[in-house]
Every structure is written in structure tokens, then in C-alpha cells.
Amino acid sequence: MPQFDPTYFASQLFWLYACFIVLFILLSVFAMPKIGGVLEERARRIDGDLEKAAELKHEAEAAVAAYEKALAESRAQAHKILQDNAKAIAEAAETRNKATAAKLAQQIKDGEGRIQAAKDEALGHIREISSELVRASVEKLTGQTAEDAQIEAAVTASLGGKA
């Protein structure tokens, strides 16, 4: 094999260095700037995307904070409305209870008045009924009619001087 022949080593090394230098110059002049530009563009795009992502993250956090604040305000307002409604319902129930209690108290008072009137009327008639009962009893038992003064005295004595 001629590549391993020591007499050709010098020329092979020369052409190796020459090709290497030409290839190095071509790469550094043409390929490396394009690759560097692509890498720089990629780095700029990545940095821009990261900045945009950070901005969007901050906007999202702000939106979440605003949402939570609005939600808390809504809950507080709903709680206040519930308390107001509960208070209004309690006041209305208390008003109805007071009106019903007053109405019942008036009905009780009226009923007591009617009872007292009936009692007074019954007590007023007790003397008459007792007198008639005594007159009927005396006639039935003795067969004689009693005098009104005697009947009246007996009724008054039995009632203890009342009525």
C-alpha cells in the first residue's frame, strides 16, 4: 500500500495541511458565520419567547388575582345580602308575631269580658232562680205557698248576704 510507504509521508502531510487550511478558511468564511447567525437568531428567539412567557405569566397571575378579588367581593356581597334578607325576614316575622300576639290578647280580653258578663248575668239571675226554686220546693213539699218575704230572707241567708 502506497499510503504506508515512508517516502510519501512528506508529500501526504503537506497536502493534508494544505487541505486542512483551505477547508478551515472556507468554513470560517462561509459556513461558520451562517451557523453563528442561526445560533444567534435562535438565542434571540428563545430569549424573546422566554420574555413573552414571563409577561404572559405575570398577566395570568394578575388575572387570577383579579378573579380571586372579584370572587371574594362577590362572596362578601352575597353574604351581606343573605344577612340583610335574614334580618328582614326576622323583622317581618317579629312584626307578624307581635300583631298576632296583640290580636290574641285582644281576643282573650274580649272572651274574658264575655265570660265575666255571662257570670255576672248568671249571678244576677241566681237570686230569682233560687227564689223560684224555693217557692216550688215549698209548694211541692208542704203543699202551701210561701210568702215572698220569707223566701227572700231564706235565699239571702243561704247566699250569705250576697247578691
N, C-alpha and C. Protein backbone atom coordinates (compact mmCIF):
# COMPACT_ATOMS: atom_id res chain seq x y z
N MET A 1 0.83 -1.15 0.00
CA MET A 1 0.00 0.00 0.00
C MET A 1 0.89 1.24 0.00
N PRO A 2 0.59 2.13 -0.89
CA PRO A 2 1.47 3.29 -1.04
C PRO A 2 1.28 4.31 0.10
N GLN A 3 0.16 4.32 0.79
CA GLN A 3 -0.05 5.30 1.84
C GLN A 3 0.90 5.06 3.02
N PHE A 4 1.31 3.82 3.19
CA PHE A 4 2.17 3.49 4.33
C PHE A 4 3.64 3.48 3.95
N ASP A 5 3.92 3.86 2.77
CA ASP A 5 5.33 3.94 2.34
C ASP A 5 5.93 5.23 2.88
N PRO A 6 7.02 5.15 3.67
CA PRO A 6 7.61 6.33 4.30
C PRO A 6 8.13 7.36 3.30
N THR A 7 8.38 7.05 2.09
CA THR A 7 8.90 8.01 1.14
C THR A 7 7.83 9.02 0.75
N TYR A 8 6.58 8.66 0.88
CA TYR A 8 5.49 9.56 0.50
C TYR A 8 4.91 10.35 1.69
N PHE A 9 5.43 10.13 2.86
CA PHE A 9 4.87 10.78 4.05
C PHE A 9 4.93 12.30 3.97
N ALA A 10 6.01 12.86 3.50
CA ALA A 10 6.18 14.31 3.47
C ALA A 10 5.15 14.96 2.56
N SER A 11 4.97 14.40 1.36
CA SER A 11 4.01 14.99 0.44
C SER A 11 2.58 14.80 0.97
N GLN A 12 2.31 13.68 1.63
CA GLN A 12 0.97 13.45 2.18
C GLN A 12 0.68 14.42 3.32
N LEU A 13 1.68 14.68 4.13
CA LEU A 13 1.50 15.62 5.21
C LEU A 13 1.29 17.05 4.68
N PHE A 14 2.04 17.39 3.61
CA PHE A 14 1.88 18.71 3.01
C PHE A 14 0.45 18.89 2.51
N TRP A 15 -0.06 17.93 1.75
CA TRP A 15 -1.40 18.05 1.21
C TRP A 15 -2.47 17.97 2.32
N LEU A 16 -2.17 17.25 3.37
CA LEU A 16 -3.08 17.21 4.50
C LEU A 16 -3.22 18.59 5.12
N TYR A 17 -2.06 19.25 5.37
CA TYR A 17 -2.09 20.60 5.93
C TYR A 17 -2.73 21.58 4.96
N ALA A 18 -2.45 21.49 3.69
CA ALA A 18 -3.00 22.40 2.69
C ALA A 18 -4.52 22.26 2.62
N CYS A 19 -5.01 21.04 2.58
CA CYS A 19 -6.47 20.82 2.53
C CYS A 19 -7.14 21.28 3.83
N PHE A 20 -6.45 21.02 4.93
CA PHE A 20 -6.99 21.44 6.21
C PHE A 20 -7.12 22.95 6.28
N ILE A 21 -6.08 23.67 5.84
CA ILE A 21 -6.10 25.13 5.88
C ILE A 21 -7.16 25.68 4.94
N VAL A 22 -7.29 25.14 3.74
CA VAL A 22 -8.30 25.60 2.79
C VAL A 22 -9.70 25.31 3.35
N LEU A 23 -9.86 24.12 3.85
CA LEU A 23 -11.15 23.77 4.42
C LEU A 23 -11.47 24.65 5.64
N PHE A 24 -10.47 24.92 6.47
CA PHE A 24 -10.66 25.77 7.63
C PHE A 24 -11.05 27.19 7.21
N ILE A 25 -10.38 27.72 6.18
CA ILE A 25 -10.69 29.07 5.70
C ILE A 25 -12.08 29.11 5.10
N LEU A 26 -12.44 28.11 4.30
CA LEU A 26 -13.78 28.07 3.71
C LEU A 26 -14.87 27.99 4.80
N LEU A 27 -14.64 27.15 5.77
CA LEU A 27 -15.61 27.01 6.86
C LEU A 27 -15.73 28.30 7.68
N SER A 28 -14.56 28.89 7.99
CA SER A 28 -14.60 30.08 8.83
C SER A 28 -15.16 31.28 8.08
N VAL A 29 -15.00 31.35 6.76
CA VAL A 29 -15.50 32.48 6.00
C VAL A 29 -16.98 32.29 5.62
N PHE A 30 -17.37 31.12 5.23
CA PHE A 30 -18.73 30.92 4.71
C PHE A 30 -19.67 30.20 5.69
N ALA A 31 -19.27 29.08 6.19
CA ALA A 31 -20.18 28.25 6.98
C ALA A 31 -20.35 28.75 8.41
N MET A 32 -19.24 29.10 9.06
CA MET A 32 -19.31 29.49 10.47
C MET A 32 -20.14 30.76 10.69
N PRO A 33 -20.04 31.81 9.86
CA PRO A 33 -20.90 32.97 10.09
C PRO A 33 -22.40 32.62 9.95
N LYS A 34 -22.71 31.75 8.98
CA LYS A 34 -24.12 31.36 8.83
C LYS A 34 -24.59 30.56 10.04
N ILE A 35 -23.76 29.64 10.49
CA ILE A 35 -24.12 28.85 11.67
C ILE A 35 -24.21 29.76 12.90
N GLY A 36 -23.27 30.68 13.04
CA GLY A 36 -23.30 31.64 14.16
C GLY A 36 -24.55 32.51 14.10
N GLY A 37 -24.92 32.96 12.90
CA GLY A 37 -26.13 33.77 12.75
C GLY A 37 -27.39 32.99 13.13
N VAL A 38 -27.40 31.73 12.68
CA VAL A 38 -28.54 30.89 13.03
C VAL A 38 -28.61 30.68 14.54
N LEU A 39 -27.47 30.45 15.18
CA LEU A 39 -27.44 30.26 16.63
C LEU A 39 -27.83 31.54 17.37
N GLU A 40 -27.34 32.68 16.86
CA GLU A 40 -27.71 33.95 17.49
C GLU A 40 -29.21 34.23 17.34
N GLU A 41 -29.73 33.96 16.13
CA GLU A 41 -31.17 34.14 15.90
C GLU A 41 -31.98 33.22 16.80
N ARG A 42 -31.56 31.98 16.92
CA ARG A 42 -32.24 31.03 17.80
C ARG A 42 -32.19 31.52 19.25
N ALA A 43 -31.04 32.00 19.68
CA ALA A 43 -30.90 32.50 21.06
C ALA A 43 -31.81 33.72 21.27
N ARG A 44 -31.86 34.65 20.28
CA ARG A 44 -32.74 35.81 20.38
C ARG A 44 -34.21 35.36 20.45
N ARG A 45 -34.58 34.42 19.61
CA ARG A 45 -35.95 33.94 19.60
C ARG A 45 -36.30 33.26 20.93
N ILE A 46 -35.39 32.48 21.44
CA ILE A 46 -35.63 31.81 22.72
C ILE A 46 -35.76 32.84 23.84
N ASP A 47 -34.85 33.83 23.83
CA ASP A 47 -34.92 34.89 24.85
C ASP A 47 -36.23 35.67 24.73
N GLY A 48 -36.61 35.98 23.50
CA GLY A 48 -37.87 36.69 23.27
C GLY A 48 -39.07 35.85 23.75
N ASP A 49 -39.04 34.56 23.42
CA ASP A 49 -40.12 33.69 23.87
C ASP A 49 -40.17 33.59 25.38
N LEU A 50 -38.99 33.52 26.02
CA LEU A 50 -38.95 33.48 27.48
C LEU A 50 -39.48 34.77 28.10
N GLU A 51 -39.11 35.91 27.50
CA GLU A 51 -39.62 37.19 28.00
C GLU A 51 -41.14 37.28 27.82
N LYS A 52 -41.60 36.84 26.64
CA LYS A 52 -43.03 36.85 26.38
C LYS A 52 -43.76 35.91 27.33
N ALA A 53 -43.17 34.75 27.59
CA ALA A 53 -43.78 33.81 28.53
C ALA A 53 -43.82 34.40 29.93
N ALA A 54 -42.75 35.11 30.31
CA ALA A 54 -42.74 35.75 31.64
C ALA A 54 -43.82 36.83 31.72
N GLU A 55 -43.97 37.63 30.66
CA GLU A 55 -45.01 38.65 30.63
C GLU A 55 -46.40 38.02 30.71
N LEU A 56 -46.62 36.95 29.94
CA LEU A 56 -47.90 36.27 29.97
C LEU A 56 -48.17 35.64 31.33
N LYS A 57 -47.10 35.15 31.96
CA LYS A 57 -47.25 34.58 33.30
C LYS A 57 -47.68 35.66 34.28
N HIS A 58 -47.04 36.85 34.19
CA HIS A 58 -47.41 37.95 35.07
C HIS A 58 -48.86 38.39 34.80
N GLU A 59 -49.24 38.45 33.52
CA GLU A 59 -50.61 38.81 33.18
C GLU A 59 -51.60 37.78 33.73
N ALA A 60 -51.23 36.50 33.60
CA ALA A 60 -52.10 35.43 34.11
C ALA A 60 -52.21 35.53 35.63
N GLU A 61 -51.10 35.80 36.31
CA GLU A 61 -51.15 35.95 37.76
C GLU A 61 -52.01 37.14 38.16
N ALA A 62 -51.88 38.23 37.39
CA ALA A 62 -52.70 39.40 37.67
C ALA A 62 -54.18 39.09 37.43
N ALA A 63 -54.47 38.34 36.36
CA ALA A 63 -55.85 37.97 36.07
C ALA A 63 -56.40 37.05 37.17
N VAL A 64 -55.58 36.12 37.64
CA VAL A 64 -56.01 35.22 38.72
C VAL A 64 -56.26 36.04 39.99
N ALA A 65 -55.36 36.98 40.28
CA ALA A 65 -55.54 37.82 41.47
C ALA A 65 -56.81 38.65 41.36
N ALA A 66 -57.06 39.22 40.17
CA ALA A 66 -58.29 40.00 39.97
C ALA A 66 -59.52 39.11 40.10
N TYR A 67 -59.44 37.90 39.56
CA TYR A 67 -60.55 36.95 39.66
C TYR A 67 -60.82 36.59 41.12
N GLU A 68 -59.76 36.29 41.87
CA GLU A 68 -59.92 35.94 43.28
C GLU A 68 -60.48 37.12 44.07
N LYS A 69 -60.03 38.33 43.74
CA LYS A 69 -60.54 39.52 44.43
C LYS A 69 -62.03 39.70 44.11
N ALA A 70 -62.38 39.56 42.83
CA ALA A 70 -63.79 39.70 42.44
C ALA A 70 -64.63 38.60 43.09
N LEU A 71 -64.09 37.39 43.15
CA LEU A 71 -64.80 36.29 43.78
C LEU A 71 -65.01 36.56 45.27
N ALA A 72 -63.97 37.06 45.93
CA ALA A 72 -64.08 37.39 47.36
C ALA A 72 -65.11 38.50 47.57
N GLU A 73 -65.09 39.52 46.71
CA GLU A 73 -66.06 40.61 46.82
C GLU A 73 -67.48 40.09 46.59
N SER A 74 -67.63 39.20 45.61
CA SER A 74 -68.95 38.63 45.32
C SER A 74 -69.45 37.81 46.50
N ARG A 75 -68.54 37.02 47.08
CA ARG A 75 -68.93 36.22 48.25
C ARG A 75 -69.33 37.14 49.41
N ALA A 76 -68.55 38.19 49.62
CA ALA A 76 -68.87 39.12 50.71
C ALA A 76 -70.22 39.79 50.45
N GLN A 77 -70.45 40.19 49.22
CA GLN A 77 -71.72 40.83 48.88
C GLN A 77 -72.88 39.85 49.04
N ALA A 78 -72.68 38.60 48.60
CA ALA A 78 -73.73 37.60 48.76
C ALA A 78 -74.01 37.33 50.24
N HIS A 79 -72.94 37.29 51.03
CA HIS A 79 -73.10 37.08 52.47
C HIS A 79 -73.88 38.25 53.09
N LYS A 80 -73.56 39.46 52.66
CA LYS A 80 -74.26 40.65 53.18
C LYS A 80 -75.73 40.61 52.78
N ILE A 81 -76.00 40.23 51.54
CA ILE A 81 -77.38 40.14 51.07
C ILE A 81 -78.14 39.09 51.88
N LEU A 82 -77.49 37.96 52.13
CA LEU A 82 -78.14 36.92 52.93
C LEU A 82 -78.43 37.41 54.35
N GLN A 83 -77.47 38.12 54.93
CA GLN A 83 -77.69 38.65 56.28
C GLN A 83 -78.83 39.67 56.28
N ASP A 84 -78.84 40.55 55.28
CA ASP A 84 -79.90 41.55 55.19
C ASP A 84 -81.26 40.88 55.03
N ASN A 85 -81.31 39.87 54.15
CA ASN A 85 -82.58 39.16 53.94
C ASN A 85 -83.01 38.42 55.20
N ALA A 86 -82.05 37.81 55.89
CA ALA A 86 -82.39 37.10 57.13
C ALA A 86 -82.90 38.09 58.16
N LYS A 87 -82.26 39.26 58.23
CA LYS A 87 -82.70 40.28 59.19
C LYS A 87 -84.10 40.77 58.82
N ALA A 88 -84.35 41.01 57.53
CA ALA A 88 -85.67 41.48 57.09
C ALA A 88 -86.73 40.42 57.37
N ILE A 89 -86.40 39.16 57.13
CA ILE A 89 -87.36 38.09 57.39
C ILE A 89 -87.63 37.99 58.89
N ALA A 90 -86.58 38.11 59.69
CA ALA A 90 -86.77 38.06 61.15
C ALA A 90 -87.62 39.22 61.63
N GLU A 91 -87.37 40.40 61.09
CA GLU A 91 -88.18 41.57 61.48
C GLU A 91 -89.63 41.39 61.06
N ALA A 92 -89.84 40.88 59.84
CA ALA A 92 -91.22 40.66 59.38
C ALA A 92 -91.91 39.61 60.25
N ALA A 93 -91.18 38.54 60.60
CA ALA A 93 -91.76 37.51 61.45
C ALA A 93 -92.07 38.07 62.83
N GLU A 94 -91.17 38.90 63.35
CA GLU A 94 -91.40 39.51 64.67
C GLU A 94 -92.62 40.43 64.61
N THR A 95 -92.74 41.20 63.55
CA THR A 95 -93.89 42.09 63.39
C THR A 95 -95.18 41.27 63.34
N ARG A 96 -95.17 40.19 62.54
CA ARG A 96 -96.36 39.33 62.45
C ARG A 96 -96.66 38.69 63.80
N ASN A 97 -95.61 38.25 64.51
CA ASN A 97 -95.82 37.64 65.82
C ASN A 97 -96.41 38.65 66.80
N LYS A 98 -95.90 39.88 66.78
CA LYS A 98 -96.44 40.90 67.67
C LYS A 98 -97.90 41.19 67.33
N ALA A 99 -98.20 41.30 66.03
CA ALA A 99 -99.58 41.57 65.62
C ALA A 99 -100.48 40.42 66.03
N THR A 100 -100.02 39.19 65.83
CA THR A 100 -100.81 38.02 66.21
C THR A 100 -100.99 37.97 67.72
N ALA A 101 -99.90 38.26 68.46
CA ALA A 101 -99.98 38.27 69.93
C ALA A 101 -100.96 39.34 70.40
N ALA A 102 -100.92 40.52 69.79
CA ALA A 102 -101.85 41.59 70.17
C ALA A 102 -103.28 41.18 69.84
N LYS A 103 -103.46 40.56 68.69
CA LYS A 103 -104.80 40.13 68.29
C LYS A 103 -105.31 39.06 69.25
N LEU A 104 -104.44 38.10 69.60
CA LEU A 104 -104.85 37.05 70.53
C LEU A 104 -105.13 37.62 71.92
N ALA A 105 -104.28 38.57 72.34
CA ALA A 105 -104.51 39.20 73.65
C ALA A 105 -105.86 39.92 73.66
N GLN A 106 -106.19 40.59 72.56
CA GLN A 106 -107.48 41.29 72.47
C GLN A 106 -108.62 40.27 72.48
N GLN A 107 -108.45 39.16 71.76
CA GLN A 107 -109.49 38.13 71.74
C GLN A 107 -109.66 37.52 73.13
N ILE A 108 -108.51 37.31 73.83
CA ILE A 108 -108.59 36.77 75.20
C ILE A 108 -109.32 37.76 76.10
N LYS A 109 -108.97 39.04 75.97
CA LYS A 109 -109.61 40.08 76.78
C LYS A 109 -111.11 40.13 76.49
N ASP A 110 -111.46 40.08 75.19
CA ASP A 110 -112.87 40.09 74.82
C ASP A 110 -113.58 38.86 75.37
N GLY A 111 -112.92 37.70 75.27
CA GLY A 111 -113.51 36.46 75.79
C GLY A 111 -113.69 36.53 77.29
N GLU A 112 -112.69 37.05 78.00
CA GLU A 112 -112.81 37.20 79.44
C GLU A 112 -113.96 38.15 79.79
N GLY A 113 -114.09 39.21 78.98
CA GLY A 113 -115.20 40.16 79.19
C GLY A 113 -116.54 39.47 79.01
N ARG A 114 -116.66 38.64 77.95
CA ARG A 114 -117.92 37.92 77.71
C ARG A 114 -118.20 36.92 78.83
N ILE A 115 -117.10 36.25 79.27
CA ILE A 115 -117.26 35.29 80.37
C ILE A 115 -117.72 36.02 81.63
N GLN A 116 -117.08 37.15 81.93
CA GLN A 116 -117.46 37.92 83.12
C GLN A 116 -118.89 38.42 83.01
N ALA A 117 -119.27 38.86 81.80
CA ALA A 117 -120.65 39.34 81.61
C ALA A 117 -121.63 38.19 81.81
N ALA A 118 -121.28 36.99 81.27
CA ALA A 118 -122.16 35.84 81.44
C ALA A 118 -122.22 35.44 82.90
N LYS A 119 -121.09 35.51 83.58
CA LYS A 119 -121.05 35.18 85.01
C LYS A 119 -121.90 36.17 85.81
N ASP A 120 -121.70 37.45 85.50
CA ASP A 120 -122.49 38.47 86.20
C ASP A 120 -123.98 38.28 85.94
N GLU A 121 -124.30 37.97 84.70
CA GLU A 121 -125.71 37.75 84.36
C GLU A 121 -126.25 36.53 85.09
N ALA A 122 -125.43 35.47 85.14
CA ALA A 122 -125.86 34.25 85.84
C ALA A 122 -126.02 34.52 87.33
N LEU A 123 -125.06 35.26 87.90
CA LEU A 123 -125.15 35.59 89.32
C LEU A 123 -126.34 36.51 89.59
N GLY A 124 -126.64 37.35 88.63
CA GLY A 124 -127.79 38.24 88.76
C GLY A 124 -129.09 37.47 88.77
N HIS A 125 -129.16 36.40 88.06
CA HIS A 125 -130.38 35.59 87.98
C HIS A 125 -130.43 34.53 89.08
N ILE A 126 -129.34 34.35 89.81
CA ILE A 126 -129.29 33.31 90.83
C ILE A 126 -130.34 33.55 91.93
N ARG A 127 -130.52 34.84 92.32
CA ARG A 127 -131.50 35.17 93.37
C ARG A 127 -132.90 34.81 92.88
N GLU A 128 -133.18 35.16 91.60
CA GLU A 128 -134.51 34.88 91.06
C GLU A 128 -134.73 33.38 90.95
N ILE A 129 -133.72 32.68 90.42
CA ILE A 129 -133.86 31.24 90.22
C ILE A 129 -133.98 30.55 91.58
N SER A 130 -133.15 31.00 92.54
CA SER A 130 -133.21 30.40 93.88
C SER A 130 -134.58 30.64 94.51
N SER A 131 -135.09 31.84 94.35
CA SER A 131 -136.41 32.16 94.92
C SER A 131 -137.48 31.28 94.29
N GLU A 132 -137.47 31.11 93.01
CA GLU A 132 -138.46 30.28 92.33
C GLU A 132 -138.31 28.83 92.75
N LEU A 133 -137.02 28.38 92.90
CA LEU A 133 -136.76 27.01 93.31
C LEU A 133 -137.29 26.76 94.74
N VAL A 134 -137.04 27.72 95.62
CA VAL A 134 -137.52 27.59 97.00
C VAL A 134 -139.05 27.57 97.00
N ARG A 135 -139.69 28.47 96.23
CA ARG A 135 -141.15 28.54 96.16
C ARG A 135 -141.70 27.21 95.65
N ALA A 136 -141.07 26.66 94.56
CA ALA A 136 -141.56 25.40 94.00
C ALA A 136 -141.33 24.26 94.98
N SER A 137 -140.20 24.26 95.68
CA SER A 137 -139.89 23.19 96.63
C SER A 137 -140.86 23.23 97.82
N VAL A 138 -141.10 24.41 98.35
CA VAL A 138 -142.01 24.55 99.49
C VAL A 138 -143.40 24.09 99.09
N GLU A 139 -143.88 24.49 97.89
CA GLU A 139 -145.21 24.09 97.42
C GLU A 139 -145.26 22.59 97.22
N LYS A 140 -144.21 22.02 96.69
CA LYS A 140 -144.19 20.60 96.39
C LYS A 140 -144.13 19.80 97.69
N LEU A 141 -143.30 20.27 98.64
CA LEU A 141 -143.11 19.51 99.87
C LEU A 141 -144.27 19.73 100.87
N THR A 142 -144.68 20.98 100.99
CA THR A 142 -145.71 21.26 102.00
C THR A 142 -147.09 21.43 101.40
N GLY A 143 -147.17 21.74 100.18
CA GLY A 143 -148.44 21.96 99.53
C GLY A 143 -148.97 23.36 99.78
N GLN A 144 -148.19 24.23 100.48
CA GLN A 144 -148.61 25.59 100.78
C GLN A 144 -147.70 26.54 100.00
N THR A 145 -148.18 27.74 99.81
CA THR A 145 -147.38 28.76 99.15
C THR A 145 -146.70 29.57 100.22
N ALA A 146 -145.45 29.86 100.00
CA ALA A 146 -144.67 30.65 100.97
C ALA A 146 -144.75 32.10 100.58
N GLU A 147 -144.56 32.95 101.58
CA GLU A 147 -144.60 34.38 101.31
C GLU A 147 -143.28 34.81 100.70
N ASP A 148 -143.36 35.88 99.93
CA ASP A 148 -142.17 36.40 99.24
C ASP A 148 -141.12 36.88 100.24
N ALA A 149 -141.49 37.47 101.31
CA ALA A 149 -140.54 37.98 102.31
C ALA A 149 -139.79 36.84 102.96
N GLN A 150 -140.49 35.74 103.27
CA GLN A 150 -139.82 34.59 103.87
C GLN A 150 -138.84 33.95 102.89
N ILE A 151 -139.27 33.81 101.64
CA ILE A 151 -138.43 33.22 100.60
C ILE A 151 -137.20 34.10 100.40
N GLU A 152 -137.39 35.38 100.38
CA GLU A 152 -136.29 36.33 100.16
C GLU A 152 -135.32 36.25 101.33
N ALA A 153 -135.77 36.13 102.54
CA ALA A 153 -134.91 36.02 103.72
C ALA A 153 -134.12 34.72 103.69
N ALA A 154 -134.77 33.63 103.29
CA ALA A 154 -134.10 32.33 103.23
C ALA A 154 -133.00 32.32 102.15
N VAL A 155 -133.31 32.90 101.02
CA VAL A 155 -132.31 32.97 99.92
C VAL A 155 -131.15 33.83 100.34
N THR A 156 -131.40 34.98 100.94
CA THR A 156 -130.35 35.88 101.38
C THR A 156 -129.48 35.19 102.43
N ALA A 157 -130.07 34.45 103.32
CA ALA A 157 -129.31 33.74 104.35
C ALA A 157 -128.44 32.64 103.71
N SER A 158 -129.00 31.94 102.78
CA SER A 158 -128.23 30.84 102.16
C SER A 158 -127.10 31.37 101.27
N LEU A 159 -127.27 32.54 100.69
CA LEU A 159 -126.21 33.14 99.86
C LEU A 159 -125.24 33.92 100.72
N GLY A 160 -125.44 33.99 102.00
CA GLY A 160 -124.53 34.68 102.89
C GLY A 160 -124.65 36.17 102.77
N GLY A 161 -125.77 36.65 102.42
CA GLY A 161 -126.00 38.08 102.32
C GLY A 161 -125.48 38.70 101.04
N LYS A 162 -125.05 37.89 100.10
CA LYS A 162 -124.52 38.39 98.83
C LYS A 162 -125.61 38.47 97.78
N ALA A 163 -125.27 39.12 96.71
CA ALA A 163 -126.09 39.23 95.51
C ALA A 163 -127.32 39.96 95.82
